[in-house]
Amino acid sequence: MTLVTLLVIGFTECVIASTNDDSHRPPPQRTTAINMFGGASYQGAPALAVTAALVEAGGGSGNFSFAKALVFMLGEDTVNTEVSKLTNQYGEADLKTFLGGMDLAIALSLKHATQAGVHLPEPAVLTGVELAKTLVSAGTTPDGTFWSGYLFDKAVSNKIHQQVMMDINESAGYEADLITHKILNQAMYDVAHALGMKDVKLASLH
């Protein structure tokens, strides 16, 4: 199963016999695993070719910059407008934490992937806008909401995503990790709507 369902499995209609036979009891409900900062987790194989395209857009594994990747995807004018909007919304300090957090998250993801023997393939051939739309789609859960944790799961696997968050919590702190996830939710929602992906919903953490 490569897609995770966000909703709890619906109630099963049961006819309860007049006896106390346990076989007539409804089965327990199954729930979906949730990422630390909300949204369904993705347990399938990561889209490494897309991750490689993002890393390349940001200047490569040795000098990755999420801000540079954004410019590649959206153009400098659009990025400047969005940065101004996010600065007004969250403040300069939190925006700086977000951008630094994204750079750190990619660096740690690549580190853990290498340690696990996972190497990025050739980057997917995607134009700037195509890459942006692909990332939005990758981070959109089955109920139509963009969640940063779901994107990270898709990018490097849920296991590596969890390892990266542990590292960030221990080094930069829990709050920095939260801010990074929160602002990415908002930023990618803004990107989605700017690119005409109007059905994408905004996460409750934003």
C-alpha atoms as a PDB file:
ATOM      1  CA  MET A   1       0.000   0.000   0.000  1.00  0.00           C
ATOM      2  CA  THR A   2       1.685   3.195  -1.130  1.00  0.00           C
ATOM      3  CA  LEU A   3      -0.896   5.811  -0.116  1.00  0.00           C
ATOM      4  CA  VAL A   4      -1.994   6.432   3.443  1.00  0.00           C
ATOM      5  CA  THR A   5      -5.681   7.125   4.184  1.00  0.00           C
ATOM      6  CA  LEU A   6      -6.152  10.106   6.533  1.00  0.00           C
ATOM      7  CA  LEU A   7      -9.658   9.279   7.732  1.00  0.00           C
ATOM      8  CA  VAL A   8     -10.540   6.760  10.405  1.00  0.00           C
ATOM      9  CA  ILE A   9     -12.155   3.660   8.891  1.00  0.00           C
ATOM     10  CA  GLY A  10     -15.929   4.127   9.024  1.00  0.00           C
ATOM     11  CA  PHE A  11     -18.092   2.368  11.546  1.00  0.00           C
ATOM     12  CA  THR A  12     -19.142  -1.143  10.561  1.00  0.00           C
ATOM     13  CA  GLU A  13     -22.808  -1.854  10.987  1.00  0.00           C
ATOM     14  CA  CYS A  14     -23.229  -4.832  13.216  1.00  0.00           C
ATOM     15  CA  VAL A  15     -26.174  -6.824  14.421  1.00  0.00           C
ATOM     16  CA  ILE A  16     -25.584  -7.678  18.063  1.00  0.00           C
ATOM     17  CA  ALA A  17     -27.084 -10.993  19.089  1.00  0.00           C
ATOM     18  CA  SER A  18     -29.043 -11.258  22.270  1.00  0.00           C
ATOM     19  CA  THR A  19     -26.342 -13.491  23.710  1.00  0.00           C
ATOM     20  CA  ASN A  20     -22.971 -12.387  25.112  1.00  0.00           C
ATOM     21  CA  ASP A  21     -21.051 -14.122  22.308  1.00  0.00           C
ATOM     22  CA  ASP A  22     -17.854 -12.086  21.712  1.00  0.00           C
ATOM     23  CA  SER A  23     -17.951 -12.960  18.021  1.00  0.00           C
ATOM     24  CA  HIS A  24     -20.818 -10.493  17.587  1.00  0.00           C
ATOM     25  CA  ARG A  25     -18.824  -7.522  18.828  1.00  0.00           C
ATOM     26  CA  PRO A  26     -17.758  -5.001  16.143  1.00  0.00           C
ATOM     27  CA  PRO A  27     -14.059  -5.080  15.228  1.00  0.00           C
ATOM     28  CA  PRO A  28     -11.820  -2.358  16.705  1.00  0.00           C
ATOM     29  CA  GLN A  29     -11.325   0.722  14.543  1.00  0.00           C
ATOM     30  CA  ARG A  30      -8.031   1.211  12.764  1.00  0.00           C
ATOM     31  CA  THR A  31      -6.406   4.635  12.686  1.00  0.00           C
ATOM     32  CA  THR A  32      -3.735   6.147  10.480  1.00  0.00           C
ATOM     33  CA  ALA A  33      -0.311   7.062  11.836  1.00  0.00           C
ATOM     34  CA  ILE A  34       0.099  10.814  12.275  1.00  0.00           C
ATOM     35  CA  ASN A  35       3.323  12.767  11.901  1.00  0.00           C
ATOM     36  CA  MET A  36       4.737  14.646  14.889  1.00  0.00           C
ATOM     37  CA  PHE A  37       3.453  18.016  13.725  1.00  0.00           C
ATOM     38  CA  GLY A  38       0.194  16.768  12.231  1.00  0.00           C
ATOM     39  CA  GLY A  39      -1.095  15.226   9.057  1.00  0.00           C
ATOM     40  CA  ALA A  40      -0.971  11.642   7.890  1.00  0.00           C
ATOM     41  CA  SER A  41       2.374   9.930   7.576  1.00  0.00           C
ATOM     42  CA  TYR A  42       3.462   8.303   4.321  1.00  0.00           C
ATOM     43  CA  GLN A  43       4.979   4.851   4.685  1.00  0.00           C
ATOM     44  CA  GLY A  44       5.785   4.078   1.054  1.00  0.00           C
ATOM     45  CA  ALA A  45       8.957   4.361  -0.995  1.00  0.00           C
ATOM     46  CA  PRO A  46      10.357   7.897  -1.342  1.00  0.00           C
ATOM     47  CA  ALA A  47      10.369   9.804  -4.639  1.00  0.00           C
ATOM     48  CA  LEU A  48      14.148  10.141  -4.737  1.00  0.00           C
ATOM     49  CA  ALA A  49      14.368  11.467  -8.314  1.00  0.00           C
ATOM     50  CA  VAL A  50      12.175  14.417  -7.324  1.00  0.00           C
ATOM     51  CA  THR A  51      14.248  14.950  -4.181  1.00  0.00           C
ATOM     52  CA  ALA A  52      17.361  14.969  -6.359  1.00  0.00           C
ATOM     53  CA  ALA A  53      15.744  17.612  -8.573  1.00  0.00           C
ATOM     54  CA  LEU A  54      15.026  19.789  -5.521  1.00  0.00           C
ATOM     55  CA  VAL A  55      18.593  19.405  -4.246  1.00  0.00           C
ATOM     56  CA  GLU A  56      19.974  20.316  -7.664  1.00  0.00           C
ATOM     57  CA  ALA A  57      17.663  23.359  -7.856  1.00  0.00           C
ATOM     58  CA  GLY A  58      18.995  24.516  -4.484  1.00  0.00           C
ATOM     59  CA  GLY A  59      22.655  24.383  -5.497  1.00  0.00           C
ATOM     60  CA  GLY A  60      23.544  20.756  -4.863  1.00  0.00           C
ATOM     61  CA  SER A  61      24.078  18.581  -1.806  1.00  0.00           C
ATOM     62  CA  GLY A  62      27.199  20.396  -0.658  1.00  0.00           C
ATOM     63  CA  ASN A  63      25.749  23.887  -0.814  1.00  0.00           C
ATOM     64  CA  PHE A  64      21.974  23.539  -0.676  1.00  0.00           C
ATOM     65  CA  SER A  65      19.832  26.639  -0.216  1.00  0.00           C
ATOM     66  CA  PHE A  66      16.048  26.339  -0.009  1.00  0.00           C
ATOM     67  CA  ALA A  67      15.771  30.034  -0.892  1.00  0.00           C
ATOM     68  CA  LYS A  68      17.711  29.358  -4.097  1.00  0.00           C
ATOM     69  CA  ALA A  69      15.465  26.396  -4.887  1.00  0.00           C
ATOM     70  CA  LEU A  70      12.417  28.615  -4.460  1.00  0.00           C
ATOM     71  CA  VAL A  71      13.819  31.152  -6.911  1.00  0.00           C
ATOM     72  CA  PHE A  72      14.444  28.360  -9.411  1.00  0.00           C
ATOM     73  CA  MET A  73      10.868  27.160  -9.061  1.00  0.00           C
ATOM     74  CA  LEU A  74       8.971  30.438  -8.876  1.00  0.00           C
ATOM     75  CA  GLY A  75      11.203  33.283 -10.028  1.00  0.00           C
ATOM     76  CA  GLU A  76      12.799  36.005  -7.947  1.00  0.00           C
ATOM     77  CA  ASP A  77       9.868  38.441  -8.027  1.00  0.00           C
ATOM     78  CA  THR A  78       7.364  35.843  -6.817  1.00  0.00           C
ATOM     79  CA  VAL A  79       9.725  34.648  -4.090  1.00  0.00           C
ATOM     80  CA  ASN A  80      10.379  38.192  -2.875  1.00  0.00           C
ATOM     81  CA  THR A  81       6.634  38.810  -2.671  1.00  0.00           C
ATOM     82  CA  GLU A  82       6.082  35.591  -0.721  1.00  0.00           C
ATOM     83  CA  VAL A  83       9.012  36.272   1.626  1.00  0.00           C
ATOM     84  CA  SER A  84       7.548  39.704   2.371  1.00  0.00           C
ATOM     85  CA  LYS A  85       4.135  38.152   3.016  1.00  0.00           C
ATOM     86  CA  LEU A  86       5.550  35.473   5.323  1.00  0.00           C
ATOM     87  CA  THR A  87       7.705  38.031   7.170  1.00  0.00           C
ATOM     88  CA  ASN A  88       4.625  40.135   7.886  1.00  0.00           C
ATOM     89  CA  GLN A  89       2.743  37.024   8.994  1.00  0.00           C
ATOM     90  CA  TYR A  90       5.382  35.381  11.211  1.00  0.00           C
ATOM     91  CA  GLY A  91       8.095  37.949  11.830  1.00  0.00           C
ATOM     92  CA  GLU A  92      11.658  38.148  10.570  1.00  0.00           C
ATOM     93  CA  ALA A  93      13.112  35.868  13.245  1.00  0.00           C
ATOM     94  CA  ASP A  94      10.736  32.985  12.552  1.00  0.00           C
ATOM     95  CA  LEU A  95      11.206  33.319   8.794  1.00  0.00           C
ATOM     96  CA  LYS A  96      14.971  33.109   9.265  1.00  0.00           C
ATOM     97  CA  THR A  97      14.446  30.011  11.429  1.00  0.00           C
ATOM     98  CA  PHE A  98      12.282  28.490   8.693  1.00  0.00           C
ATOM     99  CA  LEU A  99      14.774  29.027   5.875  1.00  0.00           C
ATOM    100  CA  GLY A 100      17.667  27.807   8.010  1.00  0.00           C
ATOM    101  CA  GLY A 101      15.567  24.870   9.160  1.00  0.00           C
ATOM    102  CA  MET A 102      14.855  23.822   5.582  1.00  0.00           C
ATOM    103  CA  ASP A 103      18.553  23.955   4.697  1.00  0.00           C
ATOM    104  CA  LEU A 104      19.389  21.912   7.792  1.00  0.00           C
ATOM    105  CA  ALA A 105      16.605  19.404   7.108  1.00  0.00           C
ATOM    106  CA  ILE A 106      17.907  18.715   3.598  1.00  0.00           C
ATOM    107  CA  ALA A 107      21.510  18.413   4.799  1.00  0.00           C
ATOM    108  CA  LEU A 108      20.545  15.980   7.566  1.00  0.00           C
ATOM    109  CA  SER A 109      18.284  14.010   5.227  1.00  0.00           C
ATOM    110  CA  LEU A 110      21.134  13.482   2.794  1.00  0.00           C
ATOM    111  CA  LYS A 111      23.454  12.542   5.661  1.00  0.00           C
ATOM    112  CA  HIS A 112      21.083   9.896   7.010  1.00  0.00           C
ATOM    113  CA  ALA A 113      20.316   8.609   3.534  1.00  0.00           C
ATOM    114  CA  THR A 114      24.032   8.153   2.817  1.00  0.00           C
ATOM    115  CA  GLN A 115      24.548   6.375   6.136  1.00  0.00           C
ATOM    116  CA  ALA A 116      21.673   4.034   5.235  1.00  0.00           C
ATOM    117  CA  GLY A 117      23.251   3.284   1.870  1.00  0.00           C
ATOM    118  CA  VAL A 118      20.639   5.279  -0.048  1.00  0.00           C
ATOM    119  CA  HIS A 119      21.986   7.433  -2.870  1.00  0.00           C
ATOM    120  CA  LEU A 120      20.038   9.917  -4.945  1.00  0.00           C
ATOM    121  CA  PRO A 121      19.453   8.918  -8.570  1.00  0.00           C
ATOM    122  CA  GLU A 122      19.661  11.277 -11.514  1.00  0.00           C
ATOM    123  CA  PRO A 123      17.318  14.223 -10.917  1.00  0.00           C
ATOM    124  CA  ALA A 124      13.873  14.111 -12.483  1.00  0.00           C
ATOM    125  CA  VAL A 125      13.728  16.454 -15.463  1.00  0.00           C
ATOM    126  CA  LEU A 126      11.346  19.141 -14.241  1.00  0.00           C
ATOM    127  CA  THR A 127      11.101  22.831 -15.046  1.00  0.00           C
ATOM    128  CA  GLY A 128      10.828  25.263 -12.166  1.00  0.00           C
ATOM    129  CA  VAL A 129       7.025  25.381 -12.123  1.00  0.00           C
ATOM    130  CA  GLU A 130       6.771  21.628 -12.737  1.00  0.00           C
ATOM    131  CA  LEU A 131       9.016  20.968  -9.756  1.00  0.00           C
ATOM    132  CA  ALA A 132       6.958  23.293  -7.560  1.00  0.00           C
ATOM    133  CA  LYS A 133       3.709  21.576  -8.560  1.00  0.00           C
ATOM    134  CA  THR A 134       5.267  18.157  -8.028  1.00  0.00           C
ATOM    135  CA  LEU A 135       6.350  19.094  -4.494  1.00  0.00           C
ATOM    136  CA  VAL A 136       2.890  20.428  -3.691  1.00  0.00           C
ATOM    137  CA  SER A 137       1.304  17.223  -4.971  1.00  0.00           C
ATOM    138  CA  ALA A 138       3.804  15.094  -3.039  1.00  0.00           C
ATOM    139  CA  GLY A 139       2.934  16.883   0.197  1.00  0.00           C
ATOM    140  CA  THR A 140      -0.826  16.784  -0.269  1.00  0.00           C
ATOM    141  CA  THR A 141      -2.501  14.122   1.851  1.00  0.00           C
ATOM    142  CA  PRO A 142      -5.487  12.114   0.590  1.00  0.00           C
ATOM    143  CA  ASP A 143      -7.943  14.618   2.076  1.00  0.00           C
ATOM    144  CA  GLY A 144      -6.438  17.409  -0.045  1.00  0.00           C
ATOM    145  CA  THR A 145      -4.406  19.175   2.672  1.00  0.00           C
ATOM    146  CA  PHE A 146      -0.741  20.054   2.235  1.00  0.00           C
ATOM    147  CA  TRP A 147       1.321  18.860   5.196  1.00  0.00           C
ATOM    148  CA  SER A 148       5.068  19.432   5.407  1.00  0.00           C
ATOM    149  CA  GLY A 149       5.600  16.136   7.222  1.00  0.00           C
ATOM    150  CA  TYR A 150       3.929  14.224   4.394  1.00  0.00           C
ATOM    151  CA  LEU A 151       6.242  15.945   1.908  1.00  0.00           C
ATOM    152  CA  PHE A 152       9.325  15.033   3.958  1.00  0.00           C
ATOM    153  CA  ASP A 153       8.092  11.432   4.169  1.00  0.00           C
ATOM    154  CA  LYS A 154       7.709  11.338   0.390  1.00  0.00           C
ATOM    155  CA  ALA A 155      11.076  13.006  -0.163  1.00  0.00           C
ATOM    156  CA  VAL A 156      13.305  10.760   1.951  1.00  0.00           C
ATOM    157  CA  SER A 157      11.032   8.168   3.656  1.00  0.00           C
ATOM    158  CA  ASN A 158       9.208   8.378   6.960  1.00  0.00           C
ATOM    159  CA  LYS A 159      12.085   6.645   8.772  1.00  0.00           C
ATOM    160  CA  ILE A 160      14.695   9.185   7.692  1.00  0.00           C
ATOM    161  CA  HIS A 161      12.256  12.048   8.284  1.00  0.00           C
ATOM    162  CA  GLN A 162      11.875  10.913  11.905  1.00  0.00           C
ATOM    163  CA  GLN A 163      15.661  10.674  12.319  1.00  0.00           C
ATOM    164  CA  VAL A 164      16.078  14.189  10.933  1.00  0.00           C
ATOM    165  CA  MET A 165      13.488  15.602  13.325  1.00  0.00           C
ATOM    166  CA  MET A 166      15.248  13.981  16.266  1.00  0.00           C
ATOM    167  CA  ASP A 167      18.510  15.601  15.180  1.00  0.00           C
ATOM    168  CA  ILE A 168      16.904  19.015  14.733  1.00  0.00           C
ATOM    169  CA  ASN A 169      15.111  18.800  18.073  1.00  0.00           C
ATOM    170  CA  GLU A 170      18.407  17.974  19.788  1.00  0.00           C
ATOM    171  CA  SER A 171      20.433  20.675  18.019  1.00  0.00           C
ATOM    172  CA  ALA A 172      18.200  23.601  17.014  1.00  0.00           C
ATOM    173  CA  GLY A 173      15.362  22.670  19.368  1.00  0.00           C
ATOM    174  CA  TYR A 174      11.735  21.537  19.180  1.00  0.00           C
ATOM    175  CA  GLU A 175      10.444  25.065  18.566  1.00  0.00           C
ATOM    176  CA  ALA A 176      12.682  25.535  15.513  1.00  0.00           C
ATOM    177  CA  ASP A 177      11.436  22.224  14.101  1.00  0.00           C
ATOM    178  CA  LEU A 178       7.827  23.261  14.717  1.00  0.00           C
ATOM    179  CA  ILE A 179       8.354  26.651  13.055  1.00  0.00           C
ATOM    180  CA  THR A 180       9.941  25.009  10.009  1.00  0.00           C
ATOM    181  CA  HIS A 181       7.010  22.629   9.532  1.00  0.00           C
ATOM    182  CA  LYS A 182       4.438  25.336  10.243  1.00  0.00           C
ATOM    183  CA  ILE A 183       5.748  27.948   7.822  1.00  0.00           C
ATOM    184  CA  LEU A 184       6.351  25.352   5.096  1.00  0.00           C
ATOM    185  CA  ASN A 185       2.669  24.396   5.376  1.00  0.00           C
ATOM    186  CA  GLN A 186       1.702  28.010   4.729  1.00  0.00           C
ATOM    187  CA  ALA A 187       4.318  28.676   2.052  1.00  0.00           C
ATOM    188  CA  MET A 188       3.457  25.621  -0.029  1.00  0.00           C
ATOM    189  CA  TYR A 189      -0.252  26.352   0.311  1.00  0.00           C
ATOM    190  CA  ASP A 190       0.473  29.848  -1.030  1.00  0.00           C
ATOM    191  CA  VAL A 191       2.548  28.354  -3.863  1.00  0.00           C
ATOM    192  CA  ALA A 192      -0.224  25.896  -4.724  1.00  0.00           C
ATOM    193  CA  HIS A 193      -2.826  28.616  -5.050  1.00  0.00           C
ATOM    194  CA  ALA A 194      -0.475  30.912  -6.958  1.00  0.00           C
ATOM    195  CA  LEU A 195       0.016  28.092  -9.469  1.00  0.00           C
ATOM    196  CA  GLY A 196      -3.695  27.441  -9.859  1.00  0.00           C
ATOM    197  CA  MET A 197      -3.908  24.401  -7.573  1.00  0.00           C
ATOM    198  CA  LYS A 198      -6.947  25.836  -5.824  1.00  0.00           C
ATOM    199  CA  ASP A 199      -8.164  22.552  -4.350  1.00  0.00           C
ATOM    200  CA  VAL A 200      -5.188  22.285  -1.982  1.00  0.00           C
ATOM    201  CA  LYS A 201      -6.261  22.953   1.602  1.00  0.00           C
ATOM    202  CA  LEU A 202      -4.309  24.790   4.305  1.00  0.00           C
ATOM    203  CA  ALA A 203      -3.101  22.658   7.226  1.00  0.00           C
ATOM    204  CA  SER A 204      -4.385  23.496  10.691  1.00  0.00           C
ATOM    205  CA  LEU A 205      -0.757  24.115  11.719  1.00  0.00           C
ATOM    206  CA  HIS A 206       0.141  27.320   9.912  1.00  0.00           C
END
